[in-house]
C-alpha atoms as a PDB file:
ATOM      1  CA  MET A   1      23.661  47.532 -24.794  1.00  0.00           C
ATOM      2  CA  ALA A   2      20.031  48.377 -24.071  1.00  0.00           C
ATOM      3  CA  LEU A   3      18.716  48.690 -20.537  1.00  0.00           C
ATOM      4  CA  ALA A   4      15.419  46.984 -19.730  1.00  0.00           C
ATOM      5  CA  PRO A   5      12.909  49.100 -17.735  1.00  0.00           C
ATOM      6  CA  TRP A   6      12.600  48.050 -14.105  1.00  0.00           C
ATOM      7  CA  ASP A   7       9.462  46.062 -13.343  1.00  0.00           C
ATOM      8  CA  PRO A   8       8.998  45.686  -9.591  1.00  0.00           C
ATOM      9  CA  VAL A   9       6.476  42.888  -9.897  1.00  0.00           C
ATOM     10  CA  GLN A  10       8.734  40.802 -12.127  1.00  0.00           C
ATOM     11  CA  ASP A  11      11.766  41.360  -9.836  1.00  0.00           C
ATOM     12  CA  PHE A  12       9.998  40.404  -6.593  1.00  0.00           C
ATOM     13  CA  LEU A  13       8.176  37.255  -7.754  1.00  0.00           C
ATOM     14  CA  PRO A  14      11.242  35.008  -7.460  1.00  0.00           C
ATOM     15  CA  LEU A  15      11.804  36.148  -3.840  1.00  0.00           C
ATOM     16  CA  ARG A  16       8.145  35.407  -2.995  1.00  0.00           C
ATOM     17  CA  ASP A  17       8.449  31.990  -4.621  1.00  0.00           C
ATOM     18  CA  ALA A  18      11.704  31.330  -2.755  1.00  0.00           C
ATOM     19  CA  MET A  19      10.055  32.219   0.617  1.00  0.00           C
ATOM     20  CA  SER A  20       7.045  29.996  -0.152  1.00  0.00           C
ATOM     21  CA  ARG A  21       9.348  27.113  -1.026  1.00  0.00           C
ATOM     22  CA  LEU A  22      11.327  27.668   2.174  1.00  0.00           C
ATOM     23  CA  PHE A  23       8.180  27.326   4.280  1.00  0.00           C
ATOM     24  CA  GLU A  24       7.028  24.260   2.371  1.00  0.00           C
ATOM     25  CA  GLU A  25      10.369  22.467   2.622  1.00  0.00           C
ATOM     26  CA  SER A  26      11.122  23.398   6.233  1.00  0.00           C
ATOM     27  CA  PHE A  27      12.320  20.493   8.339  1.00  0.00           C
ATOM     28  CA  ILE A  28      11.146  22.020  11.617  1.00  0.00           C
ATOM     29  CA  ARG A  29       8.087  24.135  12.175  1.00  0.00           C
ATOM     30  CA  PRO A  30       6.949  25.856  15.362  1.00  0.00           C
ATOM     31  CA  GLY A  31       4.256  24.043  17.295  1.00  0.00           C
ATOM     32  CA  GLY A  32       3.043  24.871  20.772  1.00  0.00           C
ATOM     33  CA  LEU A  33       5.843  25.183  23.292  1.00  0.00           C
ATOM     34  CA  GLY A  34       8.433  23.157  21.441  1.00  0.00           C
ATOM     35  CA  LEU A  35       9.318  22.089  17.931  1.00  0.00           C
ATOM     36  CA  THR A  36       7.260  19.672  15.831  1.00  0.00           C
ATOM     37  CA  ALA A  37       9.024  17.044  13.680  1.00  0.00           C
ATOM     38  CA  ALA A  38       8.353  17.150   9.964  1.00  0.00           C
ATOM     39  CA  VAL A  39       7.267  14.120   7.992  1.00  0.00           C
ATOM     40  CA  PRO A  40       8.530  13.799   4.399  1.00  0.00           C
ATOM     41  CA  VAL A  41       5.694  12.504   2.191  1.00  0.00           C
ATOM     42  CA  ASP A  42       5.227  11.446  -1.458  1.00  0.00           C
ATOM     43  CA  ALA A  43       1.668  11.297  -2.807  1.00  0.00           C
ATOM     44  CA  TYR A  44       0.574  10.139  -6.252  1.00  0.00           C
ATOM     45  CA  THR A  45      -2.339   8.539  -8.061  1.00  0.00           C
ATOM     46  CA  GLN A  46      -2.359   4.926  -9.244  1.00  0.00           C
ATOM     47  CA  GLY A  47      -5.479   3.827 -11.060  1.00  0.00           C
ATOM     48  CA  ASP A  48      -8.555   4.625  -8.939  1.00  0.00           C
ATOM     49  CA  GLU A  49      -6.603   5.253  -5.742  1.00  0.00           C
ATOM     50  CA  TYR A  50      -4.160   7.621  -4.143  1.00  0.00           C
ATOM     51  CA  VAL A  51      -0.895   6.310  -2.746  1.00  0.00           C
ATOM     52  CA  ILE A  52       0.794   8.125   0.133  1.00  0.00           C
ATOM     53  CA  GLU A  53       4.294   7.164   1.263  1.00  0.00           C
ATOM     54  CA  ALA A  54       5.672   8.701   4.431  1.00  0.00           C
ATOM     55  CA  ALA A  55       9.229   8.346   5.838  1.00  0.00           C
ATOM     56  CA  LEU A  56       9.015   7.530   9.548  1.00  0.00           C
ATOM     57  CA  PRO A  57      12.372   5.980  10.411  1.00  0.00           C
ATOM     58  CA  GLY A  58      12.831   4.486  13.819  1.00  0.00           C
ATOM     59  CA  LEU A  59       9.154   4.321  14.768  1.00  0.00           C
ATOM     60  CA  ARG A  60       7.195   1.227  15.744  1.00  0.00           C
ATOM     61  CA  PRO A  61       3.899   0.737  13.915  1.00  0.00           C
ATOM     62  CA  GLU A  62       1.937   1.066  17.144  1.00  0.00           C
ATOM     63  CA  SER A  63       3.285   4.619  17.649  1.00  0.00           C
ATOM     64  CA  ILE A  64       1.756   5.794  14.317  1.00  0.00           C
ATOM     65  CA  GLU A  65      -1.860   6.860  13.869  1.00  0.00           C
ATOM     66  CA  VAL A  66      -3.631   7.311  10.514  1.00  0.00           C
ATOM     67  CA  THR A  67      -7.044   8.903  10.106  1.00  0.00           C
ATOM     68  CA  ALA A  68      -9.068   9.608   6.972  1.00  0.00           C
ATOM     69  CA  VAL A  69     -11.998  12.037   6.604  1.00  0.00           C
ATOM     70  CA  GLY A  70     -13.520  13.577   3.454  1.00  0.00           C
ATOM     71  CA  ASN A  71     -10.543  14.236   1.163  1.00  0.00           C
ATOM     72  CA  GLN A  72      -7.890  14.372   3.895  1.00  0.00           C
ATOM     73  CA  VAL A  73      -5.550  11.822   5.402  1.00  0.00           C
ATOM     74  CA  THR A  74      -3.693  12.639   8.678  1.00  0.00           C
ATOM     75  CA  ILE A  75      -0.577  10.798   9.844  1.00  0.00           C
ATOM     76  CA  SER A  76       0.468  11.479  13.409  1.00  0.00           C
ATOM     77  CA  GLY A  77       2.624  10.040  16.163  1.00  0.00           C
ATOM     78  CA  GLU A  78       5.619  10.784  18.320  1.00  0.00           C
ATOM     79  CA  TYR A  79       9.343  10.247  17.988  1.00  0.00           C
ATOM     80  CA  PRO A  80      10.846   9.148  21.370  1.00  0.00           C
ATOM     81  CA  ALA A  81      12.992  11.612  23.315  1.00  0.00           C
ATOM     82  CA  PRO A  82      16.712  10.790  23.335  1.00  0.00           C
ATOM     83  CA  PRO A  83      18.410   9.787  26.604  1.00  0.00           C
ATOM     84  CA  GLN A  84      19.180  12.679  29.027  1.00  0.00           C
ATOM     85  CA  GLY A  85      22.718  14.043  29.325  1.00  0.00           C
ATOM     86  CA  ARG A  86      23.867  13.843  25.745  1.00  0.00           C
ATOM     87  CA  GLN A  87      25.983  16.685  24.422  1.00  0.00           C
ATOM     88  CA  TYR A  88      25.264  16.840  20.737  1.00  0.00           C
ATOM     89  CA  LEU A  89      27.749  18.119  18.126  1.00  0.00           C
ATOM     90  CA  PHE A  90      24.759  18.533  15.916  1.00  0.00           C
ATOM     91  CA  ARG A  91      21.283  17.129  15.851  1.00  0.00           C
ATOM     92  CA  GLU A  92      19.137  16.404  12.796  1.00  0.00           C
ATOM     93  CA  ARG A  93      16.859  13.488  13.726  1.00  0.00           C
ATOM     94  CA  PRO A  94      13.267  14.454  14.655  1.00  0.00           C
ATOM     95  CA  VAL A  95      12.020  14.343  18.251  1.00  0.00           C
ATOM     96  CA  GLY A  96       8.555  14.746  19.655  1.00  0.00           C
ATOM     97  CA  ARG A  97       4.997  14.856  18.304  1.00  0.00           C
ATOM     98  CA  PHE A  98       4.284  15.151  14.622  1.00  0.00           C
ATOM     99  CA  GLU A  99       1.162  15.470  12.554  1.00  0.00           C
ATOM    100  CA  ARG A 100       0.920  15.722   8.777  1.00  0.00           C
ATOM    101  CA  THR A 101      -2.374  16.213   6.925  1.00  0.00           C
ATOM    102  CA  ILE A 102      -2.491  15.490   3.174  1.00  0.00           C
ATOM    103  CA  THR A 103      -5.356  16.954   1.180  1.00  0.00           C
ATOM    104  CA  LEU A 104      -6.292  14.845  -1.829  1.00  0.00           C
ATOM    105  CA  GLY A 105      -8.032  15.894  -5.045  1.00  0.00           C
ATOM    106  CA  SER A 106     -11.332  14.113  -4.309  1.00  0.00           C
ATOM    107  CA  ASP A 107     -13.122  12.376  -1.466  1.00  0.00           C
ATOM    108  CA  LEU A 108     -11.846   8.976  -0.439  1.00  0.00           C
ATOM    109  CA  ASP A 109     -13.292   5.708   0.765  1.00  0.00           C
ATOM    110  CA  ALA A 110     -12.008   5.656   4.356  1.00  0.00           C
ATOM    111  CA  ASP A 111     -13.338   2.150   4.977  1.00  0.00           C
ATOM    112  CA  ARG A 112     -11.072   0.652   2.305  1.00  0.00           C
ATOM    113  CA  VAL A 113      -7.739   2.407   3.130  1.00  0.00           C
ATOM    114  CA  GLN A 114      -4.870  -0.102   3.353  1.00  0.00           C
ATOM    115  CA  ALA A 115      -1.754   0.653   5.375  1.00  0.00           C
ATOM    116  CA  HIS A 116       1.623  -1.130   5.155  1.00  0.00           C
ATOM    117  CA  TYR A 117       4.680  -0.210   7.238  1.00  0.00           C
ATOM    118  CA  GLU A 118       8.115  -1.627   6.430  1.00  0.00           C
ATOM    119  CA  HIS A 119      11.677  -0.395   6.913  1.00  0.00           C
ATOM    120  CA  GLY A 120      10.510   2.981   8.236  1.00  0.00           C
ATOM    121  CA  VAL A 121       8.204   3.736   5.294  1.00  0.00           C
ATOM    122  CA  LEU A 122       4.456   3.952   5.742  1.00  0.00           C
ATOM    123  CA  ARG A 123       2.559   3.211   2.490  1.00  0.00           C
ATOM    124  CA  LEU A 124      -1.135   4.004   2.335  1.00  0.00           C
ATOM    125  CA  ALA A 125      -3.376   2.895  -0.562  1.00  0.00           C
ATOM    126  CA  VAL A 126      -6.326   5.255  -0.431  1.00  0.00           C
ATOM    127  CA  PRO A 127      -9.233   4.410  -2.766  1.00  0.00           C
ATOM    128  CA  LYS A 128     -11.214   7.271  -4.239  1.00  0.00           C
ATOM    129  CA  ALA A 129     -14.869   7.335  -3.182  1.00  0.00           C
ATOM    130  CA  GLU A 130     -17.117   5.632  -5.699  1.00  0.00           C
ATOM    131  CA  TRP A 131     -19.085   8.816  -6.363  1.00  0.00           C
ATOM    132  CA  ALA A 132     -15.836  10.776  -6.961  1.00  0.00           C
ATOM    133  CA  LYS A 133     -14.671   8.546  -9.812  1.00  0.00           C
ATOM    134  CA  PRO A 134     -15.338   9.669 -13.369  1.00  0.00           C
ATOM    135  CA  LYS A 135     -18.437   8.135 -14.918  1.00  0.00           C
ATOM    136  CA  ARG A 136     -19.157   7.588 -18.610  1.00  0.00           C
ATOM    137  CA  ILE A 137     -22.510   9.145 -19.590  1.00  0.00           C
ATOM    138  CA  ALA A 138     -24.524   7.443 -22.322  1.00  0.00           C
ATOM    139  CA  LEU A 139     -25.900   9.764 -24.971  1.00  0.00           C
ATOM    140  CA  ASN A 140     -29.441   9.467 -26.273  1.00  0.00           C
ATOM    141  CA  GLY A 141     -29.725  10.648 -29.854  1.00  0.00           C
ATOM    142  CA  ALA A 142     -32.684  11.598 -32.017  1.00  0.00           C
ATOM    143  CA  ARG A 143     -34.184   8.606 -33.822  1.00  0.00           C
END
């Protein structure tokens, strides 16, 4: 049985990756004086647009705000506070203000963003800006 030499960089990379993942997947993050609710989001491309789907269970559409600037979309709002006097055995549902900013790969056309909210899922269709779409360039050859 041969022993491999110790490589400190190789051995510590998985720990760094694990810590990064822990921060990215955290359900609660500090914010101001209290805790800020996390918003689970899926984002993908579909044709010439981005699609963002955010899980916002229990919220009314009027309590959600969506803004778009440059290549970023921000979803914000507030989960209502539960009634006073409850003695929880455990508590997992979000409470309070939330804000989630998604940075997309290219600028978007904010005037054409479409939003649909049904069964606690917000679905945004975010068209790419016309200038950010790939263009075919015609070649002029020697005659």
